[in-house]
PDB file of N, CA and C in Angstrom:
ATOM      1  N   MET A   1       5.058 -18.090 -29.548  1.00  0.00           N
ATOM      2  CA  MET A   1       4.913 -16.434 -28.860  1.00  0.00           C
ATOM      3  C   MET A   1       4.491 -15.940 -30.582  1.00  0.00           C
ATOM      4  N   LEU A   2       3.308 -14.795 -30.570  1.00  0.00           N
ATOM      5  CA  LEU A   2       3.050 -14.491 -31.410  1.00  0.00           C
ATOM      6  C   LEU A   2       3.473 -13.172 -31.425  1.00  0.00           C
ATOM      7  N   LEU A   3       3.602 -12.574 -32.542  1.00  0.00           N
ATOM      8  CA  LEU A   3       4.591 -11.129 -33.070  1.00  0.00           C
ATOM      9  C   LEU A   3       3.638 -10.370 -34.251  1.00  0.00           C
ATOM     10  N   HIS A   4       3.878  -9.251 -34.298  1.00  0.00           N
ATOM     11  CA  HIS A   4       3.119  -8.614 -35.269  1.00  0.00           C
ATOM     12  C   HIS A   4       3.519  -8.805 -36.687  1.00  0.00           C
ATOM     13  N   PRO A   5       2.278  -9.115 -37.953  1.00  0.00           N
ATOM     14  CA  PRO A   5       3.034  -9.486 -39.143  1.00  0.00           C
ATOM     15  C   PRO A   5       3.994  -8.445 -39.760  1.00  0.00           C
ATOM     16  N   PRO A   6       4.874  -9.078 -40.363  1.00  0.00           N
ATOM     17  CA  PRO A   6       5.268  -8.180 -41.225  1.00  0.00           C
ATOM     18  C   PRO A   6       5.033  -7.310 -42.198  1.00  0.00           C
ATOM     19  N   SER A   7       5.721  -6.169 -42.669  1.00  0.00           N
ATOM     20  CA  SER A   7       5.355  -5.575 -43.827  1.00  0.00           C
ATOM     21  C   SER A   7       5.193  -6.079 -45.160  1.00  0.00           C
ATOM     22  N   GLY A   8       4.135  -5.818 -45.967  1.00  0.00           N
ATOM     23  CA  GLY A   8       4.268  -6.504 -46.862  1.00  0.00           C
ATOM     24  C   GLY A   8       2.892  -7.520 -46.969  1.00  0.00           C
ATOM     25  N   THR A   9       2.234  -7.454 -46.042  1.00  0.00           N
ATOM     26  CA  THR A   9       1.423  -8.655 -45.592  1.00  0.00           C
ATOM     27  C   THR A   9      -0.156  -8.148 -45.423  1.00  0.00           C
ATOM     28  N   ASP A  10      -0.099  -6.624 -45.968  1.00  0.00           N
ATOM     29  CA  ASP A  10      -1.446  -5.622 -46.289  1.00  0.00           C
ATOM     30  C   ASP A  10      -2.787  -6.328 -46.352  1.00  0.00           C
ATOM     31  N   ARG A  11      -2.553  -7.389 -47.786  1.00  0.00           N
ATOM     32  CA  ARG A  11      -3.520  -7.905 -48.240  1.00  0.00           C
ATOM     33  C   ARG A  11      -4.267  -9.387 -47.641  1.00  0.00           C
ATOM     34  N   VAL A  12      -2.996  -9.601 -46.993  1.00  0.00           N
ATOM     35  CA  VAL A  12      -3.625 -10.663 -46.230  1.00  0.00           C
ATOM     36  C   VAL A  12      -4.244 -10.829 -44.688  1.00  0.00           C
ATOM     37  N   GLN A  13      -3.651  -9.382 -44.378  1.00  0.00           N
ATOM     38  CA  GLN A  13      -4.248  -8.618 -43.207  1.00  0.00           C
ATOM     39  C   GLN A  13      -5.690  -8.065 -43.479  1.00  0.00           C
ATOM     40  N   GLY A  14      -6.113  -8.096 -44.600  1.00  0.00           N
ATOM     41  CA  GLY A  14      -7.346  -7.044 -45.045  1.00  0.00           C
ATOM     42  C   GLY A  14      -8.219  -8.326 -45.087  1.00  0.00           C
ATOM     43  N   LEU A  15      -7.694  -9.479 -45.706  1.00  0.00           N
ATOM     44  CA  LEU A  15      -8.700 -10.506 -45.981  1.00  0.00           C
ATOM     45  C   LEU A  15      -9.295 -10.964 -44.611  1.00  0.00           C
ATOM     46  N   ALA A  16      -8.091 -11.398 -43.329  1.00  0.00           N
ATOM     47  CA  ALA A  16      -8.522 -11.552 -42.383  1.00  0.00           C
ATOM     48  C   ALA A  16      -9.680 -10.677 -41.889  1.00  0.00           C
ATOM     49  N   ALA A  17      -9.416  -9.703 -41.755  1.00  0.00           N
ATOM     50  CA  ALA A  17     -10.159  -8.504 -40.932  1.00  0.00           C
ATOM     51  C   ALA A  17     -11.356  -9.149 -41.608  1.00  0.00           C
ATOM     52  N   ARG A  18     -11.651  -9.152 -43.201  1.00  0.00           N
ATOM     53  CA  ARG A  18     -13.524  -9.252 -43.606  1.00  0.00           C
ATOM     54  C   ARG A  18     -13.934 -10.594 -42.832  1.00  0.00           C
ATOM     55  N   LEU A  19     -12.863 -11.423 -42.185  1.00  0.00           N
ATOM     56  CA  LEU A  19     -13.392 -12.598 -41.994  1.00  0.00           C
ATOM     57  C   LEU A  19     -13.640 -12.517 -40.385  1.00  0.00           C
ATOM     58  N   GLY A  20     -13.289 -11.423 -39.439  1.00  0.00           N
ATOM     59  CA  GLY A  20     -13.220 -11.011 -38.227  1.00  0.00           C
ATOM     60  C   GLY A  20     -11.994 -11.859 -37.484  1.00  0.00           C
ATOM     61  N   CYS A  21     -10.735 -11.869 -38.600  1.00  0.00           N
ATOM     62  CA  CYS A  21      -9.782 -13.017 -37.584  1.00  0.00           C
ATOM     63  C   CYS A  21      -8.605 -11.664 -37.757  1.00  0.00           C
ATOM     64  N   THR A  22      -7.754 -12.202 -37.516  1.00  0.00           N
ATOM     65  CA  THR A  22      -6.266 -11.060 -37.379  1.00  0.00           C
ATOM     66  C   THR A  22      -4.895 -12.399 -37.852  1.00  0.00           C
ATOM     67  N   VAL A  23      -4.015 -11.358 -38.529  1.00  0.00           N
ATOM     68  CA  VAL A  23      -2.742 -12.144 -38.742  1.00  0.00           C
ATOM     69  C   VAL A  23      -1.555 -12.197 -37.877  1.00  0.00           C
ATOM     70  N   ALA A  24      -0.680 -12.725 -37.676  1.00  0.00           N
ATOM     71  CA  ALA A  24       0.405 -12.768 -37.407  1.00  0.00           C
ATOM     72  C   ALA A  24       1.322 -13.483 -37.151  1.00  0.00           C
ATOM     73  N   GLU A  25       2.373 -13.386 -36.838  1.00  0.00           N
ATOM     74  CA  GLU A  25       3.839 -14.133 -37.083  1.00  0.00           C
ATOM     75  C   GLU A  25       4.160 -15.366 -35.788  1.00  0.00           C
ATOM     76  N   HIS A  26       3.955 -16.608 -35.806  1.00  0.00           N
ATOM     77  CA  HIS A  26       4.139 -17.207 -34.801  1.00  0.00           C
ATOM     78  C   HIS A  26       5.528 -17.992 -34.956  1.00  0.00           C
ATOM     79  N   CYS A  27       6.121 -17.662 -34.391  1.00  0.00           N
ATOM     80  CA  CYS A  27       7.440 -17.981 -33.372  1.00  0.00           C
ATOM     81  C   CYS A  27       7.830 -19.723 -33.286  1.00  0.00           C
ATOM     82  N   GLU A  28       7.905 -21.004 -33.697  1.00  0.00           N
ATOM     83  CA  GLU A  28       8.458 -21.964 -33.742  1.00  0.00           C
ATOM     84  C   GLU A  28       8.940 -22.200 -32.748  1.00  0.00           C
ATOM     85  N   PRO A  29       8.816 -23.408 -32.030  1.00  0.00           N
ATOM     86  CA  PRO A  29       9.989 -23.849 -30.439  1.00  0.00           C
ATOM     87  C   PRO A  29      11.626 -23.664 -31.455  1.00  0.00           C
ATOM     88  N   TYR A  30      11.882 -23.795 -32.381  1.00  0.00           N
ATOM     89  CA  TYR A  30      13.218 -23.806 -32.868  1.00  0.00           C
ATOM     90  C   TYR A  30      13.511 -22.979 -34.054  1.00  0.00           C
ATOM     91  N   GLY A  31      12.510 -21.640 -33.631  1.00  0.00           N
ATOM     92  CA  GLY A  31      13.302 -19.974 -33.914  1.00  0.00           C
ATOM     93  C   GLY A  31      12.421 -20.030 -35.478  1.00  0.00           C
ATOM     94  N   LYS A  32      11.690 -20.520 -36.130  1.00  0.00           N
ATOM     95  CA  LYS A  32      11.357 -19.902 -37.481  1.00  0.00           C
ATOM     96  C   LYS A  32       9.924 -19.267 -37.231  1.00  0.00           C
ATOM     97  N   PHE A  33      10.123 -18.476 -38.090  1.00  0.00           N
ATOM     98  CA  PHE A  33       8.832 -17.823 -37.899  1.00  0.00           C
ATOM     99  C   PHE A  33       7.831 -17.871 -38.788  1.00  0.00           C
ATOM    100  N   LYS A  34       6.659 -18.409 -38.761  1.00  0.00           N
ATOM    101  CA  LYS A  34       5.542 -18.784 -39.920  1.00  0.00           C
ATOM    102  C   LYS A  34       4.532 -18.138 -39.435  1.00  0.00           C
ATOM    103  N   PRO A  35       3.652 -17.596 -40.396  1.00  0.00           N
ATOM    104  CA  PRO A  35       2.325 -17.053 -40.583  1.00  0.00           C
ATOM    105  C   PRO A  35       1.501 -17.879 -39.997  1.00  0.00           C
ATOM    106  N   ALA A  36       0.848 -17.082 -39.040  1.00  0.00           N
ATOM    107  CA  ALA A  36      -0.434 -17.478 -38.560  1.00  0.00           C
ATOM    108  C   ALA A  36      -1.750 -16.658 -38.632  1.00  0.00           C
ATOM    109  N   VAL A  37      -3.036 -17.307 -38.297  1.00  0.00           N
ATOM    110  CA  VAL A  37      -4.213 -16.655 -38.212  1.00  0.00           C
ATOM    111  C   VAL A  37      -4.817 -16.990 -36.506  1.00  0.00           C
ATOM    112  N   LEU A  38      -5.671 -15.926 -36.429  1.00  0.00           N
ATOM    113  CA  LEU A  38      -6.147 -16.367 -34.975  1.00  0.00           C
ATOM    114  C   LEU A  38      -7.375 -15.325 -35.037  1.00  0.00           C
ATOM    115  N   GLY A  39      -8.463 -15.601 -34.236  1.00  0.00           N
ATOM    116  CA  GLY A  39      -9.809 -14.488 -34.173  1.00  0.00           C
ATOM    117  C   GLY A  39     -10.532 -16.165 -33.796  1.00  0.00           C
ATOM    118  N   SER A  40     -11.737 -15.554 -34.352  1.00  0.00           N
ATOM    119  CA  SER A  40     -13.442 -16.677 -34.340  1.00  0.00           C
ATOM    120  C   SER A  40     -13.349 -17.554 -35.676  1.00  0.00           C
ATOM    121  N   LEU A  41     -12.386 -18.610 -35.692  1.00  0.00           N
ATOM    122  CA  LEU A  41     -12.006 -19.682 -36.421  1.00  0.00           C
ATOM    123  C   LEU A  41     -12.787 -20.966 -36.585  1.00  0.00           C
ATOM    124  N   SER A  42     -13.991 -21.111 -35.755  1.00  0.00           N
ATOM    125  CA  SER A  42     -14.633 -22.843 -35.630  1.00  0.00           C
ATOM    126  C   SER A  42     -15.203 -22.272 -36.804  1.00  0.00           C
ATOM    127  N   GLY A  43     -15.786 -21.511 -37.819  1.00  0.00           N
ATOM    128  CA  GLY A  43     -16.323 -21.877 -38.789  1.00  0.00           C
ATOM    129  C   GLY A  43     -15.503 -21.889 -40.070  1.00  0.00           C
ATOM    130  N   LEU A  44     -14.357 -21.712 -39.772  1.00  0.00           N
ATOM    131  CA  LEU A  44     -12.761 -22.059 -41.167  1.00  0.00           C
ATOM    132  C   LEU A  44     -12.220 -22.903 -41.009  1.00  0.00           C
ATOM    133  N   ALA A  45     -12.363 -23.657 -39.756  1.00  0.00           N
ATOM    134  CA  ALA A  45     -11.365 -24.614 -39.112  1.00  0.00           C
ATOM    135  C   ALA A  45     -10.994 -25.728 -40.277  1.00  0.00           C
ATOM    136  N   LEU A  46     -11.941 -26.281 -40.864  1.00  0.00           N
ATOM    137  CA  LEU A  46     -12.044 -27.205 -42.110  1.00  0.00           C
ATOM    138  C   LEU A  46     -11.283 -26.718 -43.270  1.00  0.00           C
ATOM    139  N   THR A  47     -11.584 -25.632 -43.684  1.00  0.00           N
ATOM    140  CA  THR A  47     -11.003 -25.222 -44.617  1.00  0.00           C
ATOM    141  C   THR A  47      -9.625 -24.911 -44.446  1.00  0.00           C
ATOM    142  N   LEU A  48      -9.244 -24.043 -43.447  1.00  0.00           N
ATOM    143  CA  LEU A  48      -7.695 -23.870 -43.056  1.00  0.00           C
ATOM    144  C   LEU A  48      -7.059 -24.939 -43.208  1.00  0.00           C
ATOM    145  N   LYS A  49      -7.791 -26.325 -42.531  1.00  0.00           N
ATOM    146  CA  LYS A  49      -6.941 -27.570 -42.113  1.00  0.00           C
ATOM    147  C   LYS A  49      -6.378 -27.861 -44.050  1.00  0.00           C
ATOM    148  N   GLU A  50      -7.888 -27.799 -45.001  1.00  0.00           N
ATOM    149  CA  GLU A  50      -7.280 -28.393 -46.330  1.00  0.00           C
ATOM    150  C   GLU A  50      -6.403 -27.859 -46.952  1.00  0.00           C
ATOM    151  N   PHE A  51      -5.929 -26.302 -46.589  1.00  0.00           N
ATOM    152  CA  PHE A  51      -4.877 -25.130 -46.880  1.00  0.00           C
ATOM    153  C   PHE A  51      -3.559 -25.293 -46.551  1.00  0.00           C
ATOM    154  N   GLY A  52      -3.383 -26.456 -45.375  1.00  0.00           N
ATOM    155  CA  GLY A  52      -2.294 -26.773 -44.898  1.00  0.00           C
ATOM    156  C   GLY A  52      -2.309 -26.099 -43.677  1.00  0.00           C
ATOM    157  N   GLY A  53      -3.103 -25.342 -42.608  1.00  0.00           N
ATOM    158  CA  GLY A  53      -3.389 -24.733 -41.621  1.00  0.00           C
ATOM    159  C   GLY A  53      -2.954 -25.986 -40.746  1.00  0.00           C
ATOM    160  N   ARG A  54      -2.145 -25.609 -39.515  1.00  0.00           N
ATOM    161  CA  ARG A  54      -1.814 -26.519 -38.568  1.00  0.00           C
ATOM    162  C   ARG A  54      -2.254 -25.617 -37.460  1.00  0.00           C
ATOM    163  N   TRP A  55      -2.936 -26.498 -36.242  1.00  0.00           N
ATOM    164  CA  TRP A  55      -3.629 -26.205 -35.292  1.00  0.00           C
ATOM    165  C   TRP A  55      -2.458 -25.782 -34.013  1.00  0.00           C
ATOM    166  N   ASP A  56      -2.125 -24.970 -33.291  1.00  0.00           N
ATOM    167  CA  ASP A  56      -1.259 -24.836 -32.579  1.00  0.00           C
ATOM    168  C   ASP A  56      -2.166 -24.468 -30.972  1.00  0.00           C
ATOM    169  N   ARG A  57      -2.361 -25.673 -30.307  1.00  0.00           N
ATOM    170  CA  ARG A  57      -2.854 -25.484 -29.179  1.00  0.00           C
ATOM    171  C   ARG A  57      -2.745 -24.429 -27.757  1.00  0.00           C
ATOM    172  N   VAL A  58      -1.269 -24.272 -27.928  1.00  0.00           N
ATOM    173  CA  VAL A  58      -0.942 -23.324 -27.018  1.00  0.00           C
ATOM    174  C   VAL A  58      -1.274 -22.187 -27.243  1.00  0.00           C
ATOM    175  N   GLU A  59      -1.353 -21.560 -28.522  1.00  0.00           N
ATOM    176  CA  GLU A  59      -1.119 -20.540 -28.991  1.00  0.00           C
ATOM    177  C   GLU A  59      -2.767 -19.975 -29.210  1.00  0.00           C
ATOM    178  N   ARG A  60      -3.257 -21.201 -29.562  1.00  0.00           N
ATOM    179  CA  ARG A  60      -4.577 -21.093 -30.296  1.00  0.00           C
ATOM    180  C   ARG A  60      -4.474 -20.278 -31.237  1.00  0.00           C
ATOM    181  N   VAL A  61      -3.739 -20.762 -32.464  1.00  0.00           N
ATOM    182  CA  VAL A  61      -4.171 -20.217 -33.588  1.00  0.00           C
ATOM    183  C   VAL A  61      -3.392 -21.312 -34.905  1.00  0.00           C
ATOM    184  N   TYR A  62      -3.925 -21.247 -36.119  1.00  0.00           N
ATOM    185  CA  TYR A  62      -3.499 -22.103 -37.072  1.00  0.00           C
ATOM    186  C   TYR A  62      -2.415 -21.309 -38.005  1.00  0.00           C
ATOM    187  N   VAL A  63      -1.563 -22.025 -37.832  1.00  0.00           N
ATOM    188  CA  VAL A  63      -0.029 -21.824 -38.451  1.00  0.00           C
ATOM    189  C   VAL A  63       0.017 -22.066 -40.050  1.00  0.00           C
ATOM    190  N   PHE A  64       0.662 -21.613 -40.787  1.00  0.00           N
ATOM    191  CA  PHE A  64       0.764 -22.145 -42.044  1.00  0.00           C
ATOM    192  C   PHE A  64       2.203 -21.920 -42.535  1.00  0.00           C
ATOM    193  N   ALA A  65       2.901 -22.434 -43.365  1.00  0.00           N
ATOM    194  CA  ALA A  65       3.781 -22.993 -43.838  1.00  0.00           C
ATOM    195  C   ALA A  65       4.483 -21.307 -44.432  1.00  0.00           C
ATOM    196  N   ASN A  66       3.561 -20.654 -45.099  1.00  0.00           N
ATOM    197  CA  ASN A  66       4.123 -19.739 -45.635  1.00  0.00           C
ATOM    198  C   ASN A  66       3.011 -18.609 -46.253  1.00  0.00           C
ATOM    199  N   TRP A  67       3.458 -17.483 -46.069  1.00  0.00           N
ATOM    200  CA  TRP A  67       2.450 -16.387 -46.227  1.00  0.00           C
ATOM    201  C   TRP A  67       1.334 -16.387 -47.513  1.00  0.00           C
ATOM    202  N   PRO A  68       1.936 -16.912 -48.790  1.00  0.00           N
ATOM    203  CA  PRO A  68       0.921 -17.406 -49.285  1.00  0.00           C
ATOM    204  C   PRO A  68       0.105 -18.276 -49.772  1.00  0.00           C
ATOM    205  N   MET A  69       0.509 -19.390 -48.673  1.00  0.00           N
ATOM    206  CA  MET A  69      -0.470 -20.443 -48.408  1.00  0.00           C
ATOM    207  C   MET A  69      -1.876 -19.786 -47.461  1.00  0.00           C
ATOM    208  N   LEU A  70      -1.308 -19.175 -46.422  1.00  0.00           N
ATOM    209  CA  LEU A  70      -2.375 -18.348 -45.441  1.00  0.00           C
ATOM    210  C   LEU A  70      -3.285 -17.547 -46.525  1.00  0.00           C
ATOM    211  N   GLU A  71      -2.719 -16.522 -46.965  1.00  0.00           N
ATOM    212  CA  GLU A  71      -3.467 -15.740 -48.145  1.00  0.00           C
ATOM    213  C   GLU A  71      -4.204 -16.502 -48.961  1.00  0.00           C
ATOM    214  N   ALA A  72      -4.246 -17.596 -49.859  1.00  0.00           N
ATOM    215  CA  ALA A  72      -5.251 -18.704 -50.356  1.00  0.00           C
ATOM    216  C   ALA A  72      -6.000 -18.904 -49.660  1.00  0.00           C
ATOM    217  N   ALA A  73      -5.776 -19.392 -48.581  1.00  0.00           N
ATOM    218  CA  ALA A  73      -6.872 -20.012 -47.268  1.00  0.00           C
ATOM    219  C   ALA A  73      -7.756 -18.829 -47.058  1.00  0.00           C
ATOM    220  N   LEU A  74      -7.625 -17.731 -46.522  1.00  0.00           N
ATOM    221  CA  LEU A  74      -8.059 -16.658 -46.629  1.00  0.00           C
ATOM    222  C   LEU A  74      -8.901 -16.137 -47.855  1.00  0.00           C
ATOM    223  N   GLU A  75      -8.726 -16.101 -48.818  1.00  0.00           N
ATOM    224  CA  GLU A  75      -9.066 -15.963 -49.906  1.00  0.00           C
ATOM    225  C   GLU A  75     -10.283 -16.614 -50.252  1.00  0.00           C
ATOM    226  N   TYR A  76     -10.047 -17.806 -50.579  1.00  0.00           N
ATOM    227  CA  TYR A  76     -11.141 -18.939 -50.373  1.00  0.00           C
ATOM    228  C   TYR A  76     -12.269 -18.805 -49.304  1.00  0.00           C
ATOM    229  N   CYS A  77     -11.871 -18.465 -48.118  1.00  0.00           N
ATOM    230  CA  CYS A  77     -12.710 -18.230 -47.331  1.00  0.00           C
ATOM    231  C   CYS A  77     -14.055 -16.854 -47.643  1.00  0.00           C
ATOM    232  N   VAL A  78     -13.046 -16.241 -47.904  1.00  0.00           N
ATOM    233  CA  VAL A  78     -13.896 -15.046 -47.916  1.00  0.00           C
ATOM    234  C   VAL A  78     -14.721 -14.933 -49.049  1.00  0.00           C
ATOM    235  N   ARG A  79     -14.182 -15.634 -50.515  1.00  0.00           N
ATOM    236  CA  ARG A  79     -15.342 -15.845 -51.657  1.00  0.00           C
ATOM    237  C   ARG A  79     -16.093 -16.746 -51.322  1.00  0.00           C
ATOM    238  N   ASN A  80     -16.188 -17.906 -50.858  1.00  0.00           N
ATOM    239  CA  ASN A  80     -17.130 -18.777 -50.767  1.00  0.00           C
ATOM    240  C   ASN A  80     -18.181 -17.665 -49.387  1.00  0.00           C
ATOM    241  N   ARG A  81     -17.961 -17.118 -48.314  1.00  0.00           N
ATOM    242  CA  ARG A  81     -18.470 -16.214 -47.495  1.00  0.00           C
ATOM    243  C   ARG A  81     -19.408 -15.343 -48.836  1.00  0.00           C
ATOM    244  N   ASP A  82     -18.717 -14.799 -49.387  1.00  0.00           N
ATOM    245  CA  ASP A  82     -19.698 -13.689 -50.092  1.00  0.00           C
ATOM    246  C   ASP A  82     -20.447 -14.423 -51.453  1.00  0.00           C
ATOM    247  N   GLU A  83     -19.753 -15.509 -51.869  1.00  0.00           N
ATOM    248  CA  GLU A  83     -21.050 -16.153 -52.647  1.00  0.00           C
ATOM    249  C   GLU A  83     -22.027 -16.739 -51.816  1.00  0.00           C
ATOM    250  N   ALA A  84     -22.150 -17.491 -50.719  1.00  0.00           N
ATOM    251  CA  ALA A  84     -23.027 -17.493 -50.117  1.00  0.00           C
ATOM    252  C   ALA A  84     -24.449 -16.485 -49.658  1.00  0.00           C
ATOM    253  N   ARG A  85     -23.697 -15.397 -49.668  1.00  0.00           N
ATOM    254  CA  ARG A  85     -24.238 -14.362 -48.769  1.00  0.00           C
ATOM    255  C   ARG A  85     -25.376 -14.017 -50.123  1.00  0.00           C
ATOM    256  N   VAL A  86     -24.501 -14.235 -51.401  1.00  0.00           N
ATOM    257  CA  VAL A  86     -25.641 -13.602 -52.654  1.00  0.00           C
ATOM    258  C   VAL A  86     -26.536 -14.594 -52.951  1.00  0.00           C
ATOM    259  N   SER A  87     -26.311 -15.939 -52.755  1.00  0.00           N
ATOM    260  CA  SER A  87     -27.034 -17.041 -53.321  1.00  0.00           C
ATOM    261  C   SER A  87     -28.284 -17.127 -51.884  1.00  0.00           C
ATOM    262  N   ALA A  88     -28.406 -16.319 -50.943  1.00  0.00           N
ATOM    263  CA  ALA A  88     -28.936 -16.812 -49.575  1.00  0.00           C
ATOM    264  C   ALA A  88     -30.179 -15.615 -49.824  1.00  0.00           C
TER     265      ALA A  88
END
């Protein structure tokens, strides 16, 4: 089940929006809430996996262990995308 992200995750939400994605909280089957990213992720899949993202086939989201790990992954994606645009 996906829920709205908690307060205090504005920076992560902003990074996701810059990539055309959304963040949410994913409720694991055993009841633990973990951060997740959803949206147009095909170009980001390898990077998200490298940062510890786990693909959830049911919800079709990448789930992370904690918010700082998700933030680091999104920040890396934004930085690399911006650098690629500058050098193009």
